[in-house]
Amino acid sequence: MALGQQRNTPVVPQAMHALDQMKYEVARELGISVPESGYWGTMTTRDTGTIGGHITRRLVQIAEEQLGTGHFH
């Protein structure tokens, strides 16, 4: 694959389904309409970035809770 065409592949392939569900859940919570076709490419960069940012925060929070720290130093 050429530089710039790399794909994010999860370490745990089963995680893709959970991340996909989280994407729809976060969009719903933020009041962002998801295309019925399931194709996210027509959405604005602002909306997809907002969804991605919230997913990242949620994943960090989950990791912190699992580590039992509540926060990183």
Protein backbone atom coordinates (compact mmCIF):
# COMPACT_ATOMS: atom_id res chain seq x y z
CA MET A 1 0.00 0.00 0.00
CA ALA A 2 1.36 3.43 -0.91
CA LEU A 3 2.08 6.04 1.72
CA GLY A 4 -1.12 7.86 2.65
CA GLN A 5 -3.28 4.88 1.77
CA GLN A 6 -2.76 2.92 4.95
CA ARG A 7 -5.84 1.62 6.71
CA ASN A 8 -6.42 1.52 10.43
CA THR A 9 -6.78 -2.10 11.36
CA PRO A 10 -7.73 -3.07 14.89
CA VAL A 11 -5.49 -5.35 16.91
CA VAL A 12 -8.66 -7.22 17.85
CA PRO A 13 -10.78 -7.65 14.69
CA GLN A 14 -13.97 -8.11 16.76
CA ALA A 15 -13.47 -4.55 18.01
CA MET A 16 -14.61 -3.15 14.65
CA HIS A 17 -18.24 -4.04 15.39
CA ALA A 18 -18.10 -2.43 18.83
CA LEU A 19 -16.47 0.72 17.42
CA ASP A 20 -19.06 0.90 14.66
CA GLN A 21 -21.86 0.67 17.23
CA MET A 22 -20.17 3.35 19.32
CA LYS A 23 -20.00 5.62 16.26
CA TYR A 24 -23.78 5.43 15.76
CA GLU A 25 -24.44 5.81 19.49
CA VAL A 26 -22.26 8.93 19.77
CA ALA A 27 -23.81 10.47 16.65
CA ARG A 28 -27.28 9.88 18.09
CA GLU A 29 -26.29 11.42 21.45
CA LEU A 30 -24.92 14.49 19.66
CA GLY A 31 -28.01 14.84 17.49
CA ILE A 32 -26.02 14.27 14.29
CA SER A 33 -28.00 12.62 11.51
CA VAL A 34 -26.32 9.53 10.12
CA PRO A 35 -26.90 8.74 6.43
CA GLU A 36 -29.43 5.94 6.03
CA SER A 37 -27.18 4.33 3.45
CA GLY A 38 -24.50 3.87 6.10
CA TYR A 39 -22.01 5.75 3.91
CA TRP A 40 -20.32 8.37 6.08
CA GLY A 41 -18.43 9.99 3.19
CA THR A 42 -21.16 12.53 2.52
CA MET A 43 -21.11 13.90 6.06
CA THR A 44 -19.35 17.14 6.89
CA THR A 45 -15.81 17.00 8.23
CA ARG A 46 -17.01 18.91 11.27
CA ASP A 47 -19.62 16.27 12.13
CA THR A 48 -17.33 13.29 11.58
CA GLY A 49 -14.55 15.02 13.55
CA THR A 50 -16.94 15.71 16.41
CA ILE A 51 -18.03 12.08 16.47
CA GLY A 52 -14.42 10.86 16.30
CA GLY A 53 -13.36 13.19 19.10
CA HIS A 54 -16.13 11.97 21.38
CA ILE A 55 -15.29 8.34 20.59
CA THR A 56 -11.64 9.00 21.47
CA ARG A 57 -12.58 10.62 24.78
CA ARG A 58 -14.88 7.72 25.60
CA LEU A 59 -12.19 5.14 24.77
CA VAL A 60 -9.66 6.96 26.96
CA GLN A 61 -12.18 7.06 29.79
CA ILE A 62 -12.82 3.32 29.44
CA ALA A 63 -9.07 2.62 29.47
CA GLU A 64 -8.57 4.78 32.55
CA GLU A 65 -11.38 2.99 34.36
CA GLN A 66 -9.98 -0.42 33.45
CA LEU A 67 -6.54 0.61 34.68
CA GLY A 68 -8.15 1.85 37.87
CA THR A 69 -6.34 5.15 37.76
CA GLY A 70 -9.09 7.56 36.85
CA HIS A 71 -6.46 9.66 35.07
CA PHE A 72 -2.99 9.47 33.53
CA HIS A 73 0.10 11.35 34.65
